[in-house]
Structures are given as C-alpha cells and as structure tokens.
N, C-alpha and C. Protein backbone atom coordinates (compact mmCIF):
# COMPACT_ATOMS: atom_id res chain seq x y z
N MET A 1 23.06 -3.43 -0.80
CA MET A 1 22.45 -3.26 0.51
C MET A 1 21.50 -4.40 0.79
N THR A 2 21.44 -4.81 2.03
CA THR A 2 20.47 -5.84 2.43
C THR A 2 19.10 -5.19 2.63
N LYS A 3 18.07 -6.02 2.68
CA LYS A 3 16.73 -5.48 2.94
C LYS A 3 16.69 -4.79 4.31
N LYS A 4 17.37 -5.37 5.27
CA LYS A 4 17.39 -4.78 6.61
C LYS A 4 18.01 -3.38 6.58
N GLU A 5 19.11 -3.24 5.84
CA GLU A 5 19.77 -1.93 5.72
C GLU A 5 18.89 -0.93 4.97
N LEU A 6 18.25 -1.40 3.90
CA LEU A 6 17.34 -0.53 3.15
C LEU A 6 16.16 -0.10 4.02
N ARG A 7 15.63 -1.04 4.76
CA ARG A 7 14.49 -0.75 5.65
C ARG A 7 14.87 0.38 6.61
N GLN A 8 16.02 0.26 7.25
CA GLN A 8 16.46 1.27 8.21
C GLN A 8 16.72 2.62 7.54
N ARG A 9 17.37 2.57 6.39
CA ARG A 9 17.69 3.81 5.65
C ARG A 9 16.43 4.59 5.31
N TYR A 10 15.42 3.89 4.77
CA TYR A 10 14.21 4.58 4.33
C TYR A 10 13.30 4.96 5.49
N LYS A 11 13.33 4.20 6.57
CA LYS A 11 12.61 4.63 7.78
C LYS A 11 13.20 5.93 8.30
N ASN A 12 14.53 6.02 8.29
CA ASN A 12 15.20 7.26 8.73
C ASN A 12 14.85 8.43 7.83
N LEU A 13 14.84 8.20 6.51
CA LEU A 13 14.47 9.26 5.57
C LEU A 13 13.05 9.75 5.82
N ARG A 14 12.15 8.83 6.09
CA ARG A 14 10.76 9.20 6.37
C ARG A 14 10.66 10.05 7.63
N GLN A 15 11.42 9.66 8.65
CA GLN A 15 11.35 10.39 9.92
C GLN A 15 11.79 11.84 9.77
N GLN A 16 12.56 12.14 8.74
CA GLN A 16 13.02 13.51 8.52
C GLN A 16 11.96 14.39 7.85
N LEU A 17 10.88 13.78 7.36
CA LEU A 17 9.83 14.53 6.69
C LEU A 17 8.95 15.24 7.72
N SER A 18 8.60 16.49 7.42
CA SER A 18 7.69 17.23 8.29
C SER A 18 6.24 16.83 7.97
N THR A 19 5.34 17.21 8.83
CA THR A 19 3.91 16.92 8.61
C THR A 19 3.44 17.58 7.31
N THR A 20 3.89 18.79 7.06
CA THR A 20 3.51 19.50 5.84
C THR A 20 4.05 18.79 4.61
N GLN A 21 5.30 18.33 4.66
CA GLN A 21 5.88 17.60 3.53
C GLN A 21 5.10 16.32 3.26
N ILE A 22 4.74 15.60 4.31
CA ILE A 22 3.98 14.35 4.16
C ILE A 22 2.63 14.63 3.50
N GLU A 23 1.94 15.66 3.95
CA GLU A 23 0.64 16.02 3.36
C GLU A 23 0.79 16.39 1.89
N ASP A 24 1.76 17.25 1.60
CA ASP A 24 1.96 17.70 0.22
C ASP A 24 2.34 16.55 -0.70
N LYS A 25 3.26 15.71 -0.26
CA LYS A 25 3.71 14.58 -1.08
C LYS A 25 2.57 13.57 -1.26
N SER A 26 1.78 13.35 -0.22
CA SER A 26 0.64 12.43 -0.31
C SER A 26 -0.39 12.93 -1.32
N LEU A 27 -0.63 14.23 -1.32
CA LEU A 27 -1.57 14.82 -2.28
C LEU A 27 -1.03 14.69 -3.71
N ASP A 28 0.28 14.91 -3.88
CA ASP A 28 0.89 14.75 -5.21
C ASP A 28 0.75 13.30 -5.70
N ILE A 29 0.93 12.34 -4.81
CA ILE A 29 0.79 10.92 -5.17
C ILE A 29 -0.65 10.63 -5.60
N ALA A 30 -1.60 11.13 -4.84
CA ALA A 30 -3.02 10.91 -5.18
C ALA A 30 -3.35 11.51 -6.55
N ASN A 31 -2.85 12.70 -6.81
CA ASN A 31 -3.10 13.34 -8.11
C ASN A 31 -2.48 12.55 -9.26
N ARG A 32 -1.30 11.97 -9.04
CA ARG A 32 -0.67 11.12 -10.08
C ARG A 32 -1.50 9.87 -10.33
N LEU A 33 -2.08 9.32 -9.28
CA LEU A 33 -2.91 8.11 -9.43
C LEU A 33 -4.07 8.35 -10.40
N LEU A 34 -4.59 9.56 -10.41
CA LEU A 34 -5.70 9.87 -11.30
C LEU A 34 -5.34 9.70 -12.76
N GLN A 35 -4.05 9.75 -13.08
CA GLN A 35 -3.60 9.62 -14.47
C GLN A 35 -3.47 8.16 -14.91
N LEU A 36 -3.51 7.22 -13.97
CA LEU A 36 -3.41 5.80 -14.32
C LEU A 36 -4.72 5.32 -14.95
N ASP A 37 -4.60 4.33 -15.82
CA ASP A 37 -5.77 3.75 -16.47
C ASP A 37 -6.28 2.57 -15.64
N ILE A 38 -6.77 2.88 -14.44
CA ILE A 38 -7.23 1.82 -13.52
C ILE A 38 -8.65 2.08 -13.02
N TRP A 39 -9.34 3.04 -13.56
CA TRP A 39 -10.57 3.50 -12.95
C TRP A 39 -11.84 3.00 -13.59
N ASP A 40 -11.80 2.44 -14.80
CA ASP A 40 -13.03 2.08 -15.50
C ASP A 40 -13.64 0.77 -15.04
N LYS A 41 -12.91 -0.33 -15.16
CA LYS A 41 -13.50 -1.64 -14.93
C LYS A 41 -13.39 -2.15 -13.49
N PRO A 42 -12.25 -2.00 -12.83
CA PRO A 42 -12.14 -2.60 -11.50
C PRO A 42 -13.19 -2.08 -10.52
N ILE A 43 -13.59 -2.97 -9.61
CA ILE A 43 -14.60 -2.62 -8.62
C ILE A 43 -14.01 -2.57 -7.23
N TYR A 44 -13.24 -3.61 -6.85
CA TYR A 44 -12.73 -3.73 -5.49
C TYR A 44 -11.29 -3.24 -5.41
N TYR A 45 -11.09 -2.19 -4.61
CA TYR A 45 -9.77 -1.58 -4.42
C TYR A 45 -9.35 -1.78 -2.98
N HIS A 46 -8.22 -2.43 -2.79
CA HIS A 46 -7.69 -2.63 -1.44
C HIS A 46 -6.78 -1.46 -1.10
N LEU A 47 -7.04 -0.83 0.03
CA LEU A 47 -6.28 0.34 0.45
C LEU A 47 -5.76 0.14 1.87
N PHE A 48 -4.48 0.40 2.07
CA PHE A 48 -3.97 0.37 3.45
C PHE A 48 -4.32 1.69 4.12
N LEU A 49 -4.59 1.61 5.40
CA LEU A 49 -4.89 2.81 6.17
C LEU A 49 -3.59 3.28 6.82
N THR A 50 -3.34 4.55 6.79
CA THR A 50 -2.06 5.15 7.17
C THR A 50 -1.69 4.92 8.62
N MET A 51 -0.45 4.44 8.82
CA MET A 51 0.14 4.41 10.16
C MET A 51 0.92 5.72 10.30
N GLU A 52 0.32 6.69 10.96
CA GLU A 52 0.92 8.01 11.06
C GLU A 52 2.26 7.98 11.79
N GLU A 53 2.39 7.11 12.79
CA GLU A 53 3.65 7.02 13.54
C GLU A 53 4.80 6.59 12.64
N GLN A 54 4.51 5.84 11.58
CA GLN A 54 5.53 5.39 10.64
C GLN A 54 5.75 6.40 9.50
N LYS A 55 4.99 7.50 9.56
CA LYS A 55 5.07 8.54 8.53
C LYS A 55 4.84 7.97 7.14
N GLU A 56 3.78 7.16 7.03
CA GLU A 56 3.40 6.57 5.74
C GLU A 56 2.67 7.60 4.88
N VAL A 57 2.53 7.27 3.61
CA VAL A 57 1.72 8.07 2.69
C VAL A 57 0.32 8.14 3.27
N HIS A 58 -0.23 9.35 3.33
CA HIS A 58 -1.60 9.52 3.81
C HIS A 58 -2.56 9.07 2.72
N THR A 59 -3.32 8.04 3.01
CA THR A 59 -4.20 7.47 2.00
C THR A 59 -5.61 8.07 2.02
N ASP A 60 -5.86 9.05 2.88
CA ASP A 60 -7.18 9.70 2.92
C ASP A 60 -7.53 10.31 1.56
N PHE A 61 -6.53 10.88 0.88
CA PHE A 61 -6.78 11.48 -0.43
C PHE A 61 -7.24 10.42 -1.43
N ILE A 62 -6.62 9.25 -1.37
CA ILE A 62 -6.98 8.14 -2.27
C ILE A 62 -8.37 7.63 -1.91
N LEU A 63 -8.66 7.57 -0.63
CA LEU A 63 -9.99 7.15 -0.18
C LEU A 63 -11.06 8.08 -0.75
N ASN A 64 -10.79 9.38 -0.77
CA ASN A 64 -11.74 10.34 -1.34
C ASN A 64 -11.92 10.12 -2.84
N ILE A 65 -10.83 9.81 -3.54
CA ILE A 65 -10.92 9.52 -4.98
C ILE A 65 -11.81 8.30 -5.20
N LEU A 66 -11.56 7.24 -4.43
CA LEU A 66 -12.32 6.00 -4.58
C LEU A 66 -13.80 6.22 -4.29
N ALA A 67 -14.10 7.01 -3.26
CA ALA A 67 -15.49 7.31 -2.93
C ALA A 67 -16.14 8.11 -4.07
N GLY A 68 -15.41 9.06 -4.62
CA GLY A 68 -15.93 9.87 -5.71
C GLY A 68 -16.18 9.07 -6.98
N LYS A 69 -15.49 7.98 -7.14
CA LYS A 69 -15.65 7.12 -8.32
C LYS A 69 -16.55 5.91 -8.02
N ASP A 70 -17.20 5.92 -6.86
CA ASP A 70 -18.12 4.85 -6.45
C ASP A 70 -17.48 3.47 -6.48
N LYS A 71 -16.26 3.37 -6.00
CA LYS A 71 -15.56 2.08 -5.93
C LYS A 71 -15.77 1.44 -4.56
N GLU A 72 -15.68 0.13 -4.53
CA GLU A 72 -15.76 -0.61 -3.27
C GLU A 72 -14.36 -0.63 -2.66
N VAL A 73 -14.23 -0.14 -1.44
CA VAL A 73 -12.93 -0.05 -0.77
C VAL A 73 -12.83 -1.19 0.24
N VAL A 74 -11.70 -1.88 0.18
CA VAL A 74 -11.44 -3.00 1.08
C VAL A 74 -10.24 -2.64 1.96
N VAL A 75 -10.38 -2.87 3.26
CA VAL A 75 -9.29 -2.64 4.21
C VAL A 75 -9.06 -3.94 4.99
N SER A 76 -7.93 -4.02 5.67
CA SER A 76 -7.56 -5.30 6.29
C SER A 76 -7.30 -5.19 7.78
N ARG A 77 -7.42 -6.35 8.40
CA ARG A 77 -6.98 -6.54 9.78
C ARG A 77 -5.87 -7.58 9.74
N SER A 78 -4.78 -7.30 10.44
CA SER A 78 -3.60 -8.18 10.42
C SER A 78 -3.63 -9.16 11.58
N ASP A 79 -3.27 -10.39 11.27
CA ASP A 79 -3.10 -11.43 12.28
C ASP A 79 -1.60 -11.71 12.39
N PHE A 80 -0.99 -11.23 13.45
CA PHE A 80 0.46 -11.33 13.57
C PHE A 80 0.94 -12.74 13.94
N GLU A 81 0.03 -13.61 14.35
CA GLU A 81 0.43 -15.00 14.60
C GLU A 81 0.63 -15.75 13.29
N SER A 82 -0.27 -15.55 12.34
CA SER A 82 -0.17 -16.25 11.05
C SER A 82 0.50 -15.39 9.97
N CYS A 83 0.71 -14.10 10.27
CA CYS A 83 1.23 -13.13 9.28
C CYS A 83 0.34 -13.06 8.05
N ARG A 84 -0.96 -13.14 8.28
CA ARG A 84 -1.95 -13.03 7.20
C ARG A 84 -2.91 -11.89 7.52
N MET A 85 -3.65 -11.47 6.50
CA MET A 85 -4.63 -10.40 6.67
C MET A 85 -6.02 -10.91 6.32
N VAL A 86 -7.01 -10.38 7.03
CA VAL A 86 -8.41 -10.63 6.72
C VAL A 86 -8.95 -9.31 6.17
N HIS A 87 -9.69 -9.37 5.08
CA HIS A 87 -10.10 -8.17 4.36
C HIS A 87 -11.59 -7.91 4.54
N TYR A 88 -11.92 -6.62 4.73
CA TYR A 88 -13.30 -6.21 4.98
C TYR A 88 -13.68 -5.04 4.09
N LEU A 89 -14.93 -5.03 3.68
CA LEU A 89 -15.48 -3.91 2.93
C LEU A 89 -15.56 -2.71 3.87
N LEU A 90 -15.05 -1.57 3.43
CA LEU A 90 -15.13 -0.34 4.23
C LEU A 90 -16.46 0.33 3.92
N THR A 91 -17.29 0.46 4.94
CA THR A 91 -18.60 1.09 4.78
C THR A 91 -18.73 2.21 5.81
N ASP A 92 -19.85 2.91 5.75
CA ASP A 92 -20.11 3.97 6.75
C ASP A 92 -20.22 3.39 8.15
N ASN A 93 -20.54 2.11 8.26
CA ASN A 93 -20.71 1.48 9.58
C ASN A 93 -19.44 0.80 10.09
N THR A 94 -18.37 0.81 9.31
CA THR A 94 -17.14 0.14 9.74
C THR A 94 -16.51 0.90 10.90
N LYS A 95 -16.27 0.17 11.97
CA LYS A 95 -15.60 0.75 13.13
C LYS A 95 -14.12 0.37 13.06
N LEU A 96 -13.26 1.38 13.19
CA LEU A 96 -11.83 1.17 13.12
C LEU A 96 -11.21 1.39 14.50
N ILE A 97 -10.20 0.57 14.80
CA ILE A 97 -9.40 0.78 16.01
C ILE A 97 -7.93 0.67 15.62
N LYS A 98 -7.05 1.25 16.44
CA LYS A 98 -5.62 1.10 16.20
C LYS A 98 -5.15 -0.17 16.89
N SER A 99 -4.45 -1.00 16.15
CA SER A 99 -3.91 -2.23 16.72
C SER A 99 -2.74 -1.89 17.63
N ALA A 100 -2.21 -2.90 18.29
CA ALA A 100 -1.04 -2.73 19.15
C ALA A 100 0.16 -2.23 18.36
N TYR A 101 0.14 -2.43 17.02
CA TYR A 101 1.23 -2.00 16.16
C TYR A 101 0.97 -0.62 15.53
N GLY A 102 -0.14 0.01 15.92
CA GLY A 102 -0.46 1.34 15.39
C GLY A 102 -1.16 1.32 14.05
N ILE A 103 -1.68 0.16 13.65
CA ILE A 103 -2.35 0.04 12.35
C ILE A 103 -3.86 0.26 12.54
N PRO A 104 -4.45 1.24 11.85
CA PRO A 104 -5.90 1.38 11.90
C PRO A 104 -6.54 0.17 11.21
N GLU A 105 -7.41 -0.53 11.94
CA GLU A 105 -7.99 -1.76 11.40
C GLU A 105 -9.48 -1.85 11.71
N PRO A 106 -10.23 -2.52 10.83
CA PRO A 106 -11.65 -2.73 11.11
C PRO A 106 -11.82 -3.77 12.22
N ILE A 107 -12.82 -3.55 13.05
CA ILE A 107 -13.12 -4.52 14.11
C ILE A 107 -13.73 -5.77 13.49
N ASP A 108 -14.67 -5.56 12.58
CA ASP A 108 -15.33 -6.65 11.87
C ASP A 108 -16.04 -6.04 10.66
N GLY A 109 -16.92 -6.81 10.05
CA GLY A 109 -17.66 -6.30 8.90
C GLY A 109 -17.87 -7.37 7.86
N ILE A 110 -18.11 -6.94 6.64
CA ILE A 110 -18.35 -7.85 5.53
C ILE A 110 -17.00 -8.28 4.97
N GLU A 111 -16.70 -9.57 5.11
CA GLU A 111 -15.42 -10.09 4.61
C GLU A 111 -15.41 -10.15 3.09
N VAL A 112 -14.26 -9.80 2.53
CA VAL A 112 -14.07 -9.85 1.08
C VAL A 112 -12.89 -10.79 0.81
N PRO A 113 -13.10 -11.87 0.05
CA PRO A 113 -11.99 -12.77 -0.26
C PRO A 113 -10.93 -12.08 -1.12
N SER A 114 -9.68 -12.45 -0.92
CA SER A 114 -8.56 -11.88 -1.69
C SER A 114 -8.80 -12.00 -3.19
N GLY A 115 -9.41 -13.08 -3.62
CA GLY A 115 -9.63 -13.34 -5.04
C GLY A 115 -10.60 -12.39 -5.72
N LYS A 116 -11.33 -11.59 -4.97
CA LYS A 116 -12.27 -10.63 -5.56
C LYS A 116 -11.63 -9.26 -5.79
N ILE A 117 -10.46 -9.04 -5.20
CA ILE A 117 -9.85 -7.72 -5.24
C ILE A 117 -9.17 -7.48 -6.58
N ASP A 118 -9.43 -6.29 -7.16
CA ASP A 118 -8.93 -5.95 -8.48
C ASP A 118 -7.64 -5.12 -8.45
N VAL A 119 -7.54 -4.21 -7.48
CA VAL A 119 -6.41 -3.30 -7.37
C VAL A 119 -5.96 -3.27 -5.91
N VAL A 120 -4.63 -3.33 -5.70
CA VAL A 120 -4.08 -3.28 -4.34
C VAL A 120 -3.07 -2.14 -4.29
N PHE A 121 -3.30 -1.20 -3.37
CA PHE A 121 -2.32 -0.16 -3.07
C PHE A 121 -1.41 -0.71 -1.99
N VAL A 122 -0.11 -0.74 -2.27
CA VAL A 122 0.85 -1.44 -1.42
C VAL A 122 1.74 -0.44 -0.68
N PRO A 123 1.78 -0.53 0.66
CA PRO A 123 2.73 0.31 1.39
C PRO A 123 4.14 -0.25 1.21
N LEU A 124 5.12 0.62 1.24
CA LEU A 124 6.50 0.14 1.09
C LEU A 124 7.46 1.18 1.64
N LEU A 125 8.70 0.76 1.78
CA LEU A 125 9.76 1.67 2.21
C LEU A 125 10.67 2.04 1.05
N ALA A 126 10.95 1.08 0.17
CA ALA A 126 11.83 1.32 -0.99
C ALA A 126 11.42 0.38 -2.11
N PHE A 127 11.80 0.75 -3.35
CA PHE A 127 11.52 -0.11 -4.51
C PHE A 127 12.63 0.09 -5.53
N ASP A 128 12.79 -0.92 -6.41
CA ASP A 128 13.81 -0.80 -7.46
C ASP A 128 13.15 -0.75 -8.83
N ASP A 129 13.96 -0.66 -9.89
CA ASP A 129 13.40 -0.49 -11.24
C ASP A 129 12.83 -1.78 -11.84
N ASN A 130 12.81 -2.86 -11.07
CA ASN A 130 12.13 -4.09 -11.48
C ASN A 130 10.81 -4.29 -10.74
N GLY A 131 10.45 -3.32 -9.90
CA GLY A 131 9.21 -3.43 -9.14
C GLY A 131 9.35 -4.22 -7.85
N GLN A 132 10.57 -4.63 -7.51
CA GLN A 132 10.78 -5.28 -6.23
C GLN A 132 10.72 -4.22 -5.14
N ARG A 133 10.28 -4.61 -3.95
CA ARG A 133 10.09 -3.62 -2.90
C ARG A 133 10.58 -4.13 -1.56
N VAL A 134 10.75 -3.19 -0.66
CA VAL A 134 11.06 -3.51 0.73
C VAL A 134 9.91 -2.97 1.56
N GLY A 135 9.30 -3.87 2.34
CA GLY A 135 8.24 -3.47 3.26
C GLY A 135 8.78 -3.52 4.68
N TYR A 136 7.91 -3.85 5.61
CA TYR A 136 8.31 -3.88 7.02
C TYR A 136 8.91 -5.21 7.44
N GLY A 137 8.90 -6.20 6.55
CA GLY A 137 9.65 -7.42 6.82
C GLY A 137 8.89 -8.61 7.32
N LYS A 138 7.58 -8.53 7.43
CA LYS A 138 6.80 -9.67 7.92
C LYS A 138 6.17 -10.49 6.80
N GLY A 139 6.16 -9.97 5.57
CA GLY A 139 5.64 -10.72 4.43
C GLY A 139 4.13 -10.71 4.29
N PHE A 140 3.43 -9.84 5.02
CA PHE A 140 1.97 -9.79 4.93
C PHE A 140 1.49 -9.59 3.50
N TYR A 141 2.06 -8.60 2.83
CA TYR A 141 1.57 -8.28 1.48
C TYR A 141 1.95 -9.33 0.46
N ASP A 142 3.11 -9.96 0.58
CA ASP A 142 3.45 -11.02 -0.37
C ASP A 142 2.49 -12.20 -0.22
N ARG A 143 2.13 -12.56 1.01
CA ARG A 143 1.15 -13.64 1.21
C ARG A 143 -0.21 -13.25 0.63
N PHE A 144 -0.62 -12.02 0.91
CA PHE A 144 -1.90 -11.52 0.43
C PHE A 144 -1.92 -11.49 -1.11
N LEU A 145 -0.89 -10.92 -1.74
CA LEU A 145 -0.87 -10.81 -3.20
C LEU A 145 -0.83 -12.18 -3.87
N ALA A 146 -0.22 -13.16 -3.21
CA ALA A 146 -0.20 -14.53 -3.75
C ALA A 146 -1.60 -15.14 -3.77
N GLU A 147 -2.49 -14.67 -2.91
CA GLU A 147 -3.87 -15.17 -2.84
C GLU A 147 -4.80 -14.46 -3.83
N CYS A 148 -4.36 -13.35 -4.37
CA CYS A 148 -5.20 -12.56 -5.28
C CYS A 148 -5.29 -13.23 -6.65
N LYS A 149 -6.30 -12.82 -7.41
CA LYS A 149 -6.50 -13.39 -8.74
C LYS A 149 -5.38 -12.95 -9.68
N PRO A 150 -5.11 -13.73 -10.71
CA PRO A 150 -4.12 -13.32 -11.71
C PRO A 150 -4.56 -11.99 -12.31
N GLY A 151 -3.64 -11.12 -12.54
CA GLY A 151 -3.97 -9.84 -13.15
C GLY A 151 -4.32 -8.75 -12.15
N VAL A 152 -4.33 -9.06 -10.86
CA VAL A 152 -4.58 -8.00 -9.88
C VAL A 152 -3.53 -6.91 -10.10
N ILE A 153 -3.94 -5.67 -10.03
CA ILE A 153 -3.02 -4.54 -10.25
C ILE A 153 -2.42 -4.15 -8.91
N LYS A 154 -1.08 -4.15 -8.86
CA LYS A 154 -0.35 -3.88 -7.63
C LYS A 154 0.37 -2.55 -7.76
N ILE A 155 -0.04 -1.58 -6.91
CA ILE A 155 0.48 -0.22 -7.02
C ILE A 155 1.16 0.18 -5.70
N GLY A 156 2.47 0.38 -5.75
CA GLY A 156 3.19 0.86 -4.59
C GLY A 156 3.08 2.38 -4.48
N LEU A 157 3.14 2.86 -3.26
CA LEU A 157 3.09 4.30 -2.99
C LEU A 157 4.34 4.67 -2.21
N SER A 158 5.12 5.63 -2.72
CA SER A 158 6.39 5.96 -2.08
C SER A 158 6.66 7.46 -2.12
N PHE A 159 7.16 7.99 -1.01
CA PHE A 159 7.60 9.38 -0.97
C PHE A 159 8.89 9.57 -1.75
N PHE A 160 9.64 8.49 -1.94
CA PHE A 160 10.99 8.59 -2.51
C PHE A 160 11.06 7.92 -3.88
N GLU A 161 12.00 8.39 -4.69
CA GLU A 161 12.18 7.84 -6.03
C GLU A 161 12.84 6.46 -5.95
N VAL A 162 12.98 5.82 -7.09
CA VAL A 162 13.48 4.46 -7.20
C VAL A 162 14.87 4.32 -6.56
N PHE A 163 15.10 3.20 -5.86
CA PHE A 163 16.42 2.87 -5.32
C PHE A 163 17.30 2.50 -6.51
N GLU A 164 18.48 3.05 -6.56
CA GLU A 164 19.35 2.89 -7.74
C GLU A 164 20.08 1.55 -7.81
N GLY A 165 19.86 0.67 -6.89
CA GLY A 165 20.46 -0.66 -6.94
C GLY A 165 19.38 -1.71 -7.14
N LYS A 166 19.74 -2.96 -6.96
CA LYS A 166 18.77 -4.05 -7.03
C LYS A 166 18.41 -4.48 -5.61
N ILE A 167 17.13 -4.61 -5.36
CA ILE A 167 16.67 -5.05 -4.06
C ILE A 167 16.72 -6.58 -4.03
N PRO A 168 17.38 -7.16 -3.03
CA PRO A 168 17.41 -8.62 -2.95
C PRO A 168 15.99 -9.17 -2.81
N HIS A 169 15.71 -10.26 -3.50
CA HIS A 169 14.37 -10.85 -3.42
C HIS A 169 14.46 -12.35 -3.63
N ASP A 170 13.38 -13.03 -3.23
CA ASP A 170 13.30 -14.47 -3.48
C ASP A 170 12.00 -14.78 -4.19
N LYS A 171 11.74 -16.06 -4.42
CA LYS A 171 10.60 -16.45 -5.26
C LYS A 171 9.24 -16.12 -4.63
N THR A 172 9.17 -15.87 -3.33
CA THR A 172 7.88 -15.52 -2.72
C THR A 172 7.60 -14.02 -2.75
N ASP A 173 8.58 -13.22 -3.16
CA ASP A 173 8.39 -11.78 -3.27
C ASP A 173 7.65 -11.46 -4.57
N ILE A 174 6.57 -10.72 -4.46
CA ILE A 174 5.75 -10.41 -5.63
C ILE A 174 6.00 -8.96 -6.03
N PRO A 175 6.48 -8.74 -7.27
CA PRO A 175 6.79 -7.36 -7.69
C PRO A 175 5.53 -6.54 -7.98
N LEU A 176 5.73 -5.24 -7.97
CA LEU A 176 4.67 -4.28 -8.27
C LEU A 176 4.45 -4.17 -9.77
N ASP A 177 3.28 -3.65 -10.14
CA ASP A 177 3.02 -3.27 -11.53
C ASP A 177 3.36 -1.80 -11.75
N TYR A 178 3.11 -0.99 -10.71
CA TYR A 178 3.38 0.44 -10.74
C TYR A 178 3.91 0.86 -9.38
N CYS A 179 4.62 1.97 -9.38
CA CYS A 179 4.91 2.66 -8.12
C CYS A 179 4.75 4.15 -8.39
N ILE A 180 4.02 4.80 -7.50
CA ILE A 180 3.72 6.22 -7.66
C ILE A 180 4.49 6.99 -6.59
N THR A 181 5.23 8.00 -7.04
CA THR A 181 5.93 8.90 -6.13
C THR A 181 5.37 10.30 -6.38
N PRO A 182 5.74 11.28 -5.58
CA PRO A 182 5.24 12.64 -5.83
C PRO A 182 5.64 13.20 -7.19
N HIS A 183 6.73 12.67 -7.78
CA HIS A 183 7.25 13.26 -9.01
C HIS A 183 7.16 12.38 -10.24
N LYS A 184 6.84 11.08 -10.06
CA LYS A 184 6.91 10.20 -11.21
C LYS A 184 6.02 8.97 -11.01
N THR A 185 5.56 8.42 -12.13
CA THR A 185 4.87 7.14 -12.14
C THR A 185 5.80 6.12 -12.78
N TYR A 186 6.12 5.07 -12.04
CA TYR A 186 6.99 4.00 -12.55
C TYR A 186 6.11 2.85 -12.98
N THR A 187 6.39 2.27 -14.15
CA THR A 187 5.67 1.12 -14.66
C THR A 187 6.65 -0.02 -14.81
N PHE A 188 6.27 -1.21 -14.35
CA PHE A 188 7.18 -2.36 -14.39
C PHE A 188 6.61 -3.45 -15.28
C-alpha cells in the first residue's frame, strides 16, 4: 500500500469510532504510557493537542499525567508556508486558538527550542513493526524530530494495532522508539 492509501484507510477507520470508543481507547493509551520508563529524568515533553474533527487520540489524559508529575509541557504552532512548527511552553497563561486546519495552537508564549525537548508524543494514522509511520503527509513531525537532540524519545499514539506490511519511507522519515495502542506497547 502507498502512504496515500494507508492515510485514507486509517482516516476511514477513525471516522467509524464513536465518541465513547475514542474516550475509552485514549484512556487506555494514557494508562499504558504510565508503564514506560520515561518519567524520571526527562523534563520537557512535547504533546500534540487533539484535533477532535480528525478523531485523534485525546491527549487531555496525558496532559493530566504530565501535570501530576510536574513536567514541562511543550505545544506547537504550525506554519503551513514553511511546514515547520514553533514550540511554546504550556502554562496557565497560554491562550489557545483553533487554526484554520482545526489544530488547537498557542497564540504566543515562551518559546522552547527543539533541542531542549526530551520526549515527543507523535500523532499518526498508521505504523509498522519498524517504527515507520504515516502522518497527515506534510512532514511537520519529521522536520521537527530532525531538529531535536540525539536520544529524544519518540512515542507514537494509535487507536489501531501495527500495520502488517511495510510502510514506504525515505531517508527523511524518522522512525518511532515506541508506539502505544489501547492493547499493546510496541518498542522499536
């Protein structure tokens, strides 16, 4: 399957999920994350904010975990002209708006360079057993992950289990270290 075909297939699968299923699966994913050995040393955790229209994993549960563990949470604003993201510390004073693409984003705030981020939660549509993934196709996360420090922990979040084939990829695609689903933790 091509990335385009995989993208469409998994978008369709997501659209079939009910609100209750999305909530339940998102909670299961958050509970699985607690079992990972990522909570002691890292300070800066990059978290995507849920695009509800795309029926993404609800990251509010993860946000609560991070707050409970006194971690610094970083969120991004996307620049669709350059296909790059600018990262901001999420604080009580951060004002969020929905972009034209339905992405909740900070208006402004304290910028955090990519090189300071320790853990990145990555949105995706599908992944394979090598940690390759299919996103929305603009390359935002691959550009962002290429700017991060060596050793940054990359964790995909998926409602669905591993794709049983190989996802086509090129040298600019950056694989995941983990992918968390409601039923399993995959390590790559």
